[in-house]
Amino acid sequence: MKEAMIVKLAIANILLQVADGLASYQIISAGVPELNPLVATYIENWGVLGGLFYSKAIGCILVILIFMLRKRVEKVVVHGLTIMAYVYSILAVLLTMKMVVLFA
């Protein structure tokens, strides 16, 4: 049962990374600067698509690495993936609100 929950959390986190990347692309394409200084540096060096792809790839790799630890520290993995899902869900809502303001 726990294994299935961890798999769902990992998939949800990867999907949230993708959604965040797509929303960020739309907002940046509208001329709004990236607020995260690390991602802004990636964008400055590799362009919008390259920078966002790189930052989201790192996020997905971290999710996979956390997922791979599930056999050793199951509770920590569940809590970590859950917290990441909450954070990216909140960011998705905030980005959606920003897009509504920009494009409405």
PDB file of N, CA and C in Angstrom:
ATOM      1  N   MET A   1       0.821  -1.200   0.000  1.00  0.00           N
ATOM      2  CA  MET A   1       0.000   0.000   0.000  1.00  0.00           C
ATOM      3  C   MET A   1       0.864   1.263   0.000  1.00  0.00           C
ATOM      4  N   LYS A   2       1.878   1.291   0.868  1.00  0.00           N
ATOM      5  CA  LYS A   2       2.765   2.450   0.918  1.00  0.00           C
ATOM      6  C   LYS A   2       3.499   2.632  -0.401  1.00  0.00           C
ATOM      7  N   GLU A   3       3.915   1.528  -1.004  1.00  0.00           N
ATOM      8  CA  GLU A   3       4.651   1.605  -2.274  1.00  0.00           C
ATOM      9  C   GLU A   3       3.810   2.311  -3.338  1.00  0.00           C
ATOM     10  N   ALA A   4       2.539   1.954  -3.422  1.00  0.00           N
ATOM     11  CA  ALA A   4       1.654   2.581  -4.406  1.00  0.00           C
ATOM     12  C   ALA A   4       1.499   4.076  -4.129  1.00  0.00           C
ATOM     13  N   MET A   5       1.418   4.436  -2.857  1.00  0.00           N
ATOM     14  CA  MET A   5       1.285   5.841  -2.503  1.00  0.00           C
ATOM     15  C   MET A   5       2.554   6.611  -2.877  1.00  0.00           C
ATOM     16  N   ILE A   6       3.713   6.026  -2.647  1.00  0.00           N
ATOM     17  CA  ILE A   6       4.977   6.676  -2.975  1.00  0.00           C
ATOM     18  C   ILE A   6       5.102   6.855  -4.493  1.00  0.00           C
ATOM     19  N   VAL A   7       4.696   5.852  -5.250  1.00  0.00           N
ATOM     20  CA  VAL A   7       4.729   5.958  -6.718  1.00  0.00           C
ATOM     21  C   VAL A   7       3.821   7.103  -7.176  1.00  0.00           C
ATOM     22  N   LYS A   8       2.611   7.181  -6.605  1.00  0.00           N
ATOM     23  CA  LYS A   8       1.683   8.253  -6.980  1.00  0.00           C
ATOM     24  C   LYS A   8       2.245   9.623  -6.611  1.00  0.00           C
ATOM     25  N   LEU A   9       2.871   9.723  -5.438  1.00  0.00           N
ATOM     26  CA  LEU A   9       3.478  10.987  -5.034  1.00  0.00           C
ATOM     27  C   LEU A   9       4.611  11.393  -5.978  1.00  0.00           C
ATOM     28  N   ALA A  10       5.426  10.428  -6.381  1.00  0.00           N
ATOM     29  CA  ALA A  10       6.530  10.717  -7.300  1.00  0.00           C
ATOM     30  C   ALA A  10       5.982  11.186  -8.648  1.00  0.00           C
ATOM     31  N   ILE A  11       4.981  10.495  -9.164  1.00  0.00           N
ATOM     32  CA  ILE A  11       4.375  10.892 -10.444  1.00  0.00           C
ATOM     33  C   ILE A  11       3.742  12.274 -10.331  1.00  0.00           C
ATOM     34  N   ALA A  12       3.040  12.520  -9.235  1.00  0.00           N
ATOM     35  CA  ALA A  12       2.422  13.836  -9.029  1.00  0.00           C
ATOM     36  C   ALA A  12       3.481  14.934  -9.009  1.00  0.00           C
ATOM     37  N   ASN A  13       4.602  14.672  -8.340  1.00  0.00           N
ATOM     38  CA  ASN A  13       5.665  15.667  -8.273  1.00  0.00           C
ATOM     39  C   ASN A  13       6.280  15.936  -9.635  1.00  0.00           C
ATOM     40  N   ILE A  14       6.456  14.914 -10.433  1.00  0.00           N
ATOM     41  CA  ILE A  14       7.008  15.116 -11.781  1.00  0.00           C
ATOM     42  C   ILE A  14       6.008  15.892 -12.643  1.00  0.00           C
ATOM     43  N   LEU A  15       4.735  15.563 -12.540  1.00  0.00           N
ATOM     44  CA  LEU A  15       3.714  16.304 -13.294  1.00  0.00           C
ATOM     45  C   LEU A  15       3.643  17.765 -12.847  1.00  0.00           C
ATOM     46  N   LEU A  16       3.811  18.000 -11.553  1.00  0.00           N
ATOM     47  CA  LEU A  16       3.830  19.375 -11.054  1.00  0.00           C
ATOM     48  C   LEU A  16       5.046  20.139 -11.575  1.00  0.00           C
ATOM     49  N   GLN A  17       6.182  19.465 -11.709  1.00  0.00           N
ATOM     50  CA  GLN A  17       7.365  20.096 -12.297  1.00  0.00           C
ATOM     51  C   GLN A  17       7.071  20.520 -13.743  1.00  0.00           C
ATOM     52  N   VAL A  18       6.436  19.631 -14.487  1.00  0.00           N
ATOM     53  CA  VAL A  18       6.099  19.923 -15.889  1.00  0.00           C
ATOM     54  C   VAL A  18       5.113  21.088 -15.964  1.00  0.00           C
ATOM     55  N   ALA A  19       4.077  21.049 -15.128  1.00  0.00           N
ATOM     56  CA  ALA A  19       3.080  22.128 -15.121  1.00  0.00           C
ATOM     57  C   ALA A  19       3.720  23.462 -14.750  1.00  0.00           C
ATOM     58  N   ASP A  20       4.605  23.441 -13.772  1.00  0.00           N
ATOM     59  CA  ASP A  20       5.301  24.659 -13.368  1.00  0.00           C
ATOM     60  C   ASP A  20       6.162  25.193 -14.518  1.00  0.00           C
ATOM     61  N   GLY A  21       6.833  24.299 -15.214  1.00  0.00           N
ATOM     62  CA  GLY A  21       7.649  24.716 -16.351  1.00  0.00           C
ATOM     63  C   GLY A  21       6.822  25.333 -17.465  1.00  0.00           C
ATOM     64  N   LEU A  22       5.675  24.724 -17.774  1.00  0.00           N
ATOM     65  CA  LEU A  22       4.804  25.261 -18.829  1.00  0.00           C
ATOM     66  C   LEU A  22       4.226  26.619 -18.441  1.00  0.00           C
ATOM     67  N   ALA A  23       3.777  26.729 -17.196  1.00  0.00           N
ATOM     68  CA  ALA A  23       3.230  28.004 -16.731  1.00  0.00           C
ATOM     69  C   ALA A  23       4.316  29.078 -16.710  1.00  0.00           C
ATOM     70  N   SER A  24       5.492  28.714 -16.240  1.00  0.00           N
ATOM     71  CA  SER A  24       6.604  29.676 -16.220  1.00  0.00           C
ATOM     72  C   SER A  24       6.942  30.135 -17.626  1.00  0.00           C
ATOM     73  N   TYR A  25       6.943  29.216 -18.578  1.00  0.00           N
ATOM     74  CA  TYR A  25       7.230  29.576 -19.969  1.00  0.00           C
ATOM     75  C   TYR A  25       6.218  30.602 -20.486  1.00  0.00           C
ATOM     76  N   GLN A  26       4.941  30.364 -20.209  1.00  0.00           N
ATOM     77  CA  GLN A  26       3.901  31.288 -20.668  1.00  0.00           C
ATOM     78  C   GLN A  26       4.088  32.674 -20.065  1.00  0.00           C
ATOM     79  N   ILE A  27       4.395  32.704 -18.777  1.00  0.00           N
ATOM     80  CA  ILE A  27       4.548  33.987 -18.086  1.00  0.00           C
ATOM     81  C   ILE A  27       5.805  34.717 -18.564  1.00  0.00           C
ATOM     82  N   ILE A  28       6.898  33.993 -18.692  1.00  0.00           N
ATOM     83  CA  ILE A  28       8.145  34.617 -19.155  1.00  0.00           C
ATOM     84  C   ILE A  28       7.999  35.091 -20.595  1.00  0.00           C
ATOM     85  N   SER A  29       7.296  34.311 -21.415  1.00  0.00           N
ATOM     86  CA  SER A  29       7.065  34.703 -22.813  1.00  0.00           C
ATOM     87  C   SER A  29       6.228  35.974 -22.908  1.00  0.00           C
ATOM     88  N   ALA A  30       5.430  36.236 -21.866  1.00  0.00           N
ATOM     89  CA  ALA A  30       4.618  37.456 -21.848  1.00  0.00           C
ATOM     90  C   ALA A  30       5.429  38.666 -21.397  1.00  0.00           C
ATOM     91  N   GLY A  31       6.707  38.433 -21.072  1.00  0.00           N
ATOM     92  CA  GLY A  31       7.570  39.545 -20.704  1.00  0.00           C
ATOM     93  C   GLY A  31       7.798  39.730 -19.217  1.00  0.00           C
ATOM     94  N   VAL A  32       7.257  38.831 -18.405  1.00  0.00           N
ATOM     95  CA  VAL A  32       7.451  38.927 -16.961  1.00  0.00           C
ATOM     96  C   VAL A  32       8.770  38.233 -16.616  1.00  0.00           C
ATOM     97  N   PRO A  33       9.651  38.901 -15.888  1.00  0.00           N
ATOM     98  CA  PRO A  33      10.940  38.283 -15.569  1.00  0.00           C
ATOM     99  C   PRO A  33      10.794  37.146 -14.556  1.00  0.00           C
ATOM    100  N   GLU A  34      11.694  36.188 -14.645  1.00  0.00           N
ATOM    101  CA  GLU A  34      11.741  35.075 -13.690  1.00  0.00           C
ATOM    102  C   GLU A  34      12.207  35.607 -12.339  1.00  0.00           C
ATOM    103  N   LEU A  35      11.485  35.256 -11.279  1.00  0.00           N
ATOM    104  CA  LEU A  35      11.815  35.757  -9.952  1.00  0.00           C
ATOM    105  C   LEU A  35      12.843  34.898  -9.214  1.00  0.00           C
ATOM    106  N   ASN A  36      12.919  33.619  -9.586  1.00  0.00           N
ATOM    107  CA  ASN A  36      13.890  32.739  -8.938  1.00  0.00           C
ATOM    108  C   ASN A  36      15.269  33.050  -9.527  1.00  0.00           C
ATOM    109  N   PRO A  37      16.204  33.531  -8.703  1.00  0.00           N
ATOM    110  CA  PRO A  37      17.509  33.936  -9.253  1.00  0.00           C
ATOM    111  C   PRO A  37      18.289  32.802  -9.895  1.00  0.00           C
ATOM    112  N   LEU A  38      18.145  31.594  -9.385  1.00  0.00           N
ATOM    113  CA  LEU A  38      18.851  30.457  -9.966  1.00  0.00           C
ATOM    114  C   LEU A  38      18.308  30.152 -11.361  1.00  0.00           C
ATOM    115  N   VAL A  39      16.985  30.076 -11.478  1.00  0.00           N
ATOM    116  CA  VAL A  39      16.363  29.815 -12.778  1.00  0.00           C
ATOM    117  C   VAL A  39      16.626  30.981 -13.727  1.00  0.00           C
ATOM    118  N   ALA A  40      16.608  32.198 -13.206  1.00  0.00           N
ATOM    119  CA  ALA A  40      16.898  33.367 -14.046  1.00  0.00           C
ATOM    120  C   ALA A  40      18.302  33.280 -14.639  1.00  0.00           C
ATOM    121  N   THR A  41      19.256  32.765 -13.864  1.00  0.00           N
ATOM    122  CA  THR A  41      20.620  32.585 -14.369  1.00  0.00           C
ATOM    123  C   THR A  41      20.653  31.542 -15.478  1.00  0.00           C
ATOM    124  N   TYR A  42      19.924  30.440 -15.284  1.00  0.00           N
ATOM    125  CA  TYR A  42      19.858  29.412 -16.334  1.00  0.00           C
ATOM    126  C   TYR A  42      19.270  30.006 -17.616  1.00  0.00           C
ATOM    127  N   ILE A  43      18.206  30.790 -17.468  1.00  0.00           N
ATOM    128  CA  ILE A  43      17.560  31.403 -18.633  1.00  0.00           C
ATOM    129  C   ILE A  43      18.506  32.385 -19.317  1.00  0.00           C
ATOM    130  N   GLU A  44      19.231  33.134 -18.521  1.00  0.00           N
ATOM    131  CA  GLU A  44      20.193  34.093 -19.072  1.00  0.00           C
ATOM    132  C   GLU A  44      21.276  33.381 -19.884  1.00  0.00           C
ATOM    133  N   ASN A  45      21.708  32.213 -19.400  1.00  0.00           N
ATOM    134  CA  ASN A  45      22.779  31.475 -20.074  1.00  0.00           C
ATOM    135  C   ASN A  45      22.297  30.637 -21.248  1.00  0.00           C
ATOM    136  N   TRP A  46      21.091  30.041 -21.137  1.00  0.00           N
ATOM    137  CA  TRP A  46      20.640  29.085 -22.159  1.00  0.00           C
ATOM    138  C   TRP A  46      19.324  29.441 -22.827  1.00  0.00           C
ATOM    139  N   GLY A  47      18.816  30.633 -22.581  1.00  0.00           N
ATOM    140  CA  GLY A  47      17.544  31.030 -23.167  1.00  0.00           C
ATOM    141  C   GLY A  47      16.373  30.505 -22.347  1.00  0.00           C
ATOM    142  N   VAL A  48      15.186  30.942 -22.704  1.00  0.00           N
ATOM    143  CA  VAL A  48      14.002  30.587 -21.925  1.00  0.00           C
ATOM    144  C   VAL A  48      13.774  29.078 -21.935  1.00  0.00           C
ATOM    145  N   LEU A  49      13.717  28.478 -23.098  1.00  0.00           N
ATOM    146  CA  LEU A  49      13.450  27.035 -23.171  1.00  0.00           C
ATOM    147  C   LEU A  49      14.559  26.215 -22.517  1.00  0.00           C
ATOM    148  N   GLY A  50      15.797  26.532 -22.837  1.00  0.00           N
ATOM    149  CA  GLY A  50      16.920  25.794 -22.277  1.00  0.00           C
ATOM    150  C   GLY A  50      17.008  25.938 -20.770  1.00  0.00           C
ATOM    151  N   GLY A  51      16.841  27.171 -20.275  1.00  0.00           N
ATOM    152  CA  GLY A  51      16.923  27.416 -18.843  1.00  0.00           C
ATOM    153  C   GLY A  51      15.811  26.746 -18.063  1.00  0.00           C
ATOM    154  N   LEU A  52      14.591  26.837 -18.590  1.00  0.00           N
ATOM    155  CA  LEU A  52      13.464  26.179 -17.916  1.00  0.00           C
ATOM    156  C   LEU A  52      13.606  24.659 -17.980  1.00  0.00           C
ATOM    157  N   PHE A  53      14.008  24.168 -19.142  1.00  0.00           N
ATOM    158  CA  PHE A  53      14.180  22.717 -19.268  1.00  0.00           C
ATOM    159  C   PHE A  53      15.229  22.215 -18.274  1.00  0.00           C
ATOM    160  N   TYR A  54      16.336  22.931 -18.173  1.00  0.00           N
ATOM    161  CA  TYR A  54      17.406  22.534 -17.262  1.00  0.00           C
ATOM    162  C   TYR A  54      16.930  22.546 -15.811  1.00  0.00           C
ATOM    163  N   SER A  55      16.248  23.612 -15.412  1.00  0.00           N
ATOM    164  CA  SER A  55      15.796  23.703 -14.018  1.00  0.00           C
ATOM    165  C   SER A  55      14.737  22.646 -13.706  1.00  0.00           C
ATOM    166  N   LYS A  56      13.856  22.360 -14.640  1.00  0.00           N
ATOM    167  CA  LYS A  56      12.816  21.343 -14.408  1.00  0.00           C
ATOM    168  C   LYS A  56      13.426  19.940 -14.460  1.00  0.00           C
ATOM    169  N   ALA A  57      14.441  19.757 -15.287  1.00  0.00           N
ATOM    170  CA  ALA A  57      15.136  18.458 -15.318  1.00  0.00           C
ATOM    171  C   ALA A  57      15.794  18.185 -13.967  1.00  0.00           C
ATOM    172  N   ILE A  58      16.412  19.214 -13.386  1.00  0.00           N
ATOM    173  CA  ILE A  58      17.011  19.054 -12.057  1.00  0.00           C
ATOM    174  C   ILE A  58      15.932  18.691 -11.037  1.00  0.00           C
ATOM    175  N   GLY A  59      14.791  19.371 -11.104  1.00  0.00           N
ATOM    176  CA  GLY A  59      13.682  19.065 -10.198  1.00  0.00           C
ATOM    177  C   GLY A  59      13.213  17.627 -10.348  1.00  0.00           C
ATOM    178  N   CYS A  60      13.061  17.165 -11.582  1.00  0.00           N
ATOM    179  CA  CYS A  60      12.619  15.784 -11.820  1.00  0.00           C
ATOM    180  C   CYS A  60      13.658  14.770 -11.345  1.00  0.00           C
ATOM    181  N   ILE A  61      14.926  15.077 -11.570  1.00  0.00           N
ATOM    182  CA  ILE A  61      15.994  14.183 -11.111  1.00  0.00           C
ATOM    183  C   ILE A  61      15.980  14.086  -9.584  1.00  0.00           C
ATOM    184  N   LEU A  62      15.755  15.208  -8.912  1.00  0.00           N
ATOM    185  CA  LEU A  62      15.668  15.172  -7.448  1.00  0.00           C
ATOM    186  C   LEU A  62      14.488  14.322  -6.976  1.00  0.00           C
ATOM    187  N   VAL A  63      13.363  14.435  -7.660  1.00  0.00           N
ATOM    188  CA  VAL A  63      12.203  13.602  -7.321  1.00  0.00           C
ATOM    189  C   VAL A  63      12.564  12.127  -7.486  1.00  0.00           C
ATOM    190  N   ILE A  64      13.219  11.793  -8.574  1.00  0.00           N
ATOM    191  CA  ILE A  64      13.601  10.395  -8.826  1.00  0.00           C
ATOM    192  C   ILE A  64      14.596   9.906  -7.773  1.00  0.00           C
ATOM    193  N   LEU A  65      15.563  10.763  -7.409  1.00  0.00           N
ATOM    194  CA  LEU A  65      16.525  10.370  -6.375  1.00  0.00           C
ATOM    195  C   LEU A  65      15.836  10.136  -5.034  1.00  0.00           C
ATOM    196  N   ILE A  66      14.905  11.015  -4.685  1.00  0.00           N
ATOM    197  CA  ILE A  66      14.148  10.814  -3.450  1.00  0.00           C
ATOM    198  C   ILE A  66      13.354   9.516  -3.536  1.00  0.00           C
ATOM    199  N   PHE A  67      12.721   9.277  -4.677  1.00  0.00           N
ATOM    200  CA  PHE A  67      11.944   8.051  -4.870  1.00  0.00           C
ATOM    201  C   PHE A  67      12.815   6.809  -4.704  1.00  0.00           C
ATOM    202  N   MET A  68      14.054   6.882  -5.189  1.00  0.00           N
ATOM    203  CA  MET A  68      14.953   5.730  -5.101  1.00  0.00           C
ATOM    204  C   MET A  68      15.323   5.400  -3.649  1.00  0.00           C
ATOM    205  N   LEU A  69      15.185   6.329  -2.757  1.00  0.00           N
ATOM    206  CA  LEU A  69      15.485   6.094  -1.340  1.00  0.00           C
ATOM    207  C   LEU A  69      14.331   5.445  -0.582  1.00  0.00           C
ATOM    208  N   ARG A  70      13.218   5.155  -1.260  1.00  0.00           N
ATOM    209  CA  ARG A  70      12.005   4.700  -0.596  1.00  0.00           C
ATOM    210  C   ARG A  70      12.180   3.430   0.223  1.00  0.00           C
ATOM    211  N   LYS A  71      13.077   2.544  -0.150  1.00  0.00           N
ATOM    212  CA  LYS A  71      13.275   1.290   0.589  1.00  0.00           C
ATOM    213  C   LYS A  71      14.032   1.521   1.892  1.00  0.00           C
ATOM    214  N   ARG A  72      14.890   2.537   1.914  1.00  0.00           N
ATOM    215  CA  ARG A  72      15.731   2.787   3.092  1.00  0.00           C
ATOM    216  C   ARG A  72      15.050   3.673   4.122  1.00  0.00           C
ATOM    217  N   VAL A  73      14.478   4.736   3.677  1.00  0.00           N
ATOM    218  CA  VAL A  73      13.880   5.713   4.596  1.00  0.00           C
ATOM    219  C   VAL A  73      12.476   6.073   4.104  1.00  0.00           C
ATOM    220  N   GLU A  74      11.602   5.109   4.163  1.00  0.00           N
ATOM    221  CA  GLU A  74      10.270   5.244   3.588  1.00  0.00           C
ATOM    222  C   GLU A  74       9.513   6.460   4.121  1.00  0.00           C
ATOM    223  N   LYS A  75       9.509   6.650   5.426  1.00  0.00           N
ATOM    224  CA  LYS A  75       8.751   7.769   6.006  1.00  0.00           C
ATOM    225  C   LYS A  75       9.306   9.114   5.554  1.00  0.00           C
ATOM    226  N   VAL A  76      10.622   9.217   5.483  1.00  0.00           N
ATOM    227  CA  VAL A  76      11.239  10.465   5.039  1.00  0.00           C
ATOM    228  C   VAL A  76      10.872  10.739   3.583  1.00  0.00           C
ATOM    229  N   VAL A  77      10.865   9.704   2.761  1.00  0.00           N
ATOM    230  CA  VAL A  77      10.511   9.847   1.347  1.00  0.00           C
ATOM    231  C   VAL A  77       9.061  10.302   1.210  1.00  0.00           C
ATOM    232  N   VAL A  78       8.168   9.670   1.960  1.00  0.00           N
ATOM    233  CA  VAL A  78       6.752  10.051   1.898  1.00  0.00           C
ATOM    234  C   VAL A  78       6.586  11.511   2.310  1.00  0.00           C
ATOM    235  N   HIS A  79       7.212  11.895   3.410  1.00  0.00           N
ATOM    236  CA  HIS A  79       7.102  13.285   3.863  1.00  0.00           C
ATOM    237  C   HIS A  79       7.740  14.252   2.870  1.00  0.00           C
ATOM    238  N   GLY A  80       8.907  13.906   2.352  1.00  0.00           N
ATOM    239  CA  GLY A  80       9.584  14.772   1.399  1.00  0.00           C
ATOM    240  C   GLY A  80       8.780  14.979   0.128  1.00  0.00           C
ATOM    241  N   LEU A  81       8.270  13.894  -0.442  1.00  0.00           N
ATOM    242  CA  LEU A  81       7.476  14.003  -1.669  1.00  0.00           C
ATOM    243  C   LEU A  81       6.164  14.738  -1.416  1.00  0.00           C
ATOM    244  N   THR A  82       5.578  14.526  -0.241  1.00  0.00           N
ATOM    245  CA  THR A  82       4.334  15.222   0.098  1.00  0.00           C
ATOM    246  C   THR A  82       4.573  16.723   0.224  1.00  0.00           C
ATOM    247  N   ILE A  83       5.639  17.103   0.910  1.00  0.00           N
ATOM    248  CA  ILE A  83       5.957  18.522   1.058  1.00  0.00           C
ATOM    249  C   ILE A  83       6.239  19.152  -0.302  1.00  0.00           C
ATOM    250  N   MET A  84       7.008  18.454  -1.145  1.00  0.00           N
ATOM    251  CA  MET A  84       7.291  18.977  -2.486  1.00  0.00           C
ATOM    252  C   MET A  84       6.001  19.160  -3.283  1.00  0.00           C
ATOM    253  N   ALA A  85       5.081  18.205  -3.163  1.00  0.00           N
ATOM    254  CA  ALA A  85       3.806  18.302  -3.879  1.00  0.00           C
ATOM    255  C   ALA A  85       3.006  19.509  -3.390  1.00  0.00           C
ATOM    256  N   TYR A  86       2.976  19.723  -2.077  1.00  0.00           N
ATOM    257  CA  TYR A  86       2.276  20.895  -1.540  1.00  0.00           C
ATOM    258  C   TYR A  86       2.889  22.190  -2.059  1.00  0.00           C
ATOM    259  N   VAL A  87       4.200  22.281  -2.002  1.00  0.00           N
ATOM    260  CA  VAL A  87       4.879  23.507  -2.436  1.00  0.00           C
ATOM    261  C   VAL A  87       4.592  23.780  -3.910  1.00  0.00           C
ATOM    262  N   TYR A  88       4.731  22.768  -4.760  1.00  0.00           N
ATOM    263  CA  TYR A  88       4.504  22.986  -6.189  1.00  0.00           C
ATOM    264  C   TYR A  88       3.029  23.167  -6.514  1.00  0.00           C
ATOM    265  N   SER A  89       2.138  22.619  -5.705  1.00  0.00           N
ATOM    266  CA  SER A  89       0.710  22.873  -5.900  1.00  0.00           C
ATOM    267  C   SER A  89       0.388  24.331  -5.604  1.00  0.00           C
ATOM    268  N   ILE A  90       0.962  24.845  -4.530  1.00  0.00           N
ATOM    269  CA  ILE A  90       0.758  26.258  -4.188  1.00  0.00           C
ATOM    270  C   ILE A  90       1.347  27.148  -5.275  1.00  0.00           C
ATOM    271  N   LEU A  91       2.553  26.802  -5.743  1.00  0.00           N
ATOM    272  CA  LEU A  91       3.157  27.569  -6.833  1.00  0.00           C
ATOM    273  C   LEU A  91       2.298  27.516  -8.090  1.00  0.00           C
ATOM    274  N   ALA A  92       1.714  26.363  -8.381  1.00  0.00           N
ATOM    275  CA  ALA A  92       0.858  26.233  -9.568  1.00  0.00           C
ATOM    276  C   ALA A  92      -0.354  27.145  -9.452  1.00  0.00           C
ATOM    277  N   VAL A  93      -0.948  27.211  -8.270  1.00  0.00           N
ATOM    278  CA  VAL A  93      -2.092  28.106  -8.068  1.00  0.00           C
ATOM    279  C   VAL A  93      -1.665  29.558  -8.246  1.00  0.00           C
ATOM    280  N   LEU A  94      -0.534  29.929  -7.653  1.00  0.00           N
ATOM    281  CA  LEU A  94      -0.048  31.305  -7.776  1.00  0.00           C
ATOM    282  C   LEU A  94       0.286  31.647  -9.225  1.00  0.00           C
ATOM    283  N   LEU A  95       0.917  30.721  -9.941  1.00  0.00           N
ATOM    284  CA  LEU A  95       1.234  30.971 -11.353  1.00  0.00           C
ATOM    285  C   LEU A  95      -0.033  31.078 -12.196  1.00  0.00           C
ATOM    286  N   THR A  96      -1.029  30.264 -11.878  1.00  0.00           N
ATOM    287  CA  THR A  96      -2.302  30.336 -12.598  1.00  0.00           C
ATOM    288  C   THR A  96      -2.962  31.687 -12.362  1.00  0.00           C
ATOM    289  N   MET A  97      -2.943  32.142 -11.119  1.00  0.00           N
ATOM    290  CA  MET A  97      -3.513  33.452 -10.813  1.00  0.00           C
ATOM    291  C   MET A  97      -2.757  34.543 -11.563  1.00  0.00           C
ATOM    292  N   LYS A  98      -1.447  34.428 -11.634  1.00  0.00           N
ATOM    293  CA  LYS A  98      -0.638  35.409 -12.354  1.00  0.00           C
ATOM    294  C   LYS A  98      -0.974  35.401 -13.835  1.00  0.00           C
ATOM    295  N   MET A  99      -1.172  34.204 -14.395  1.00  0.00           N
ATOM    296  CA  MET A  99      -1.523  34.099 -15.812  1.00  0.00           C
ATOM    297  C   MET A  99      -2.891  34.706 -16.075  1.00  0.00           C
ATOM    298  N   VAL A 100      -3.840  34.498 -15.165  1.00  0.00           N
ATOM    299  CA  VAL A 100      -5.175  35.088 -15.331  1.00  0.00           C
ATOM    300  C   VAL A 100      -5.079  36.602 -15.359  1.00  0.00           C
ATOM    301  N   VAL A 101      -4.278  37.157 -14.459  1.00  0.00           N
ATOM    302  CA  VAL A 101      -4.108  38.608 -14.417  1.00  0.00           C
ATOM    303  C   VAL A 101      -3.436  39.112 -15.705  1.00  0.00           C
ATOM    304  N   LEU A 102      -2.430  38.391 -16.176  1.00  0.00           N
ATOM    305  CA  LEU A 102      -1.702  38.819 -17.369  1.00  0.00           C
ATOM    306  C   LEU A 102      -2.511  38.686 -18.649  1.00  0.00           C
ATOM    307  N   PHE A 103      -3.260  37.589 -18.767  1.00  0.00           N
ATOM    308  CA  PHE A 103      -3.898  37.287 -20.053  1.00  0.00           C
ATOM    309  C   PHE A 103      -5.403  37.516 -20.077  1.00  0.00           C
ATOM    310  N   ALA A 104      -5.972  37.979 -18.982  1.00  0.00           N
ATOM    311  CA  ALA A 104      -7.436  38.185 -18.946  1.00  0.00           C
ATOM    312  C   ALA A 104      -7.803  39.542 -19.477  1.00  0.00           C
TER     313      ALA A 104
END
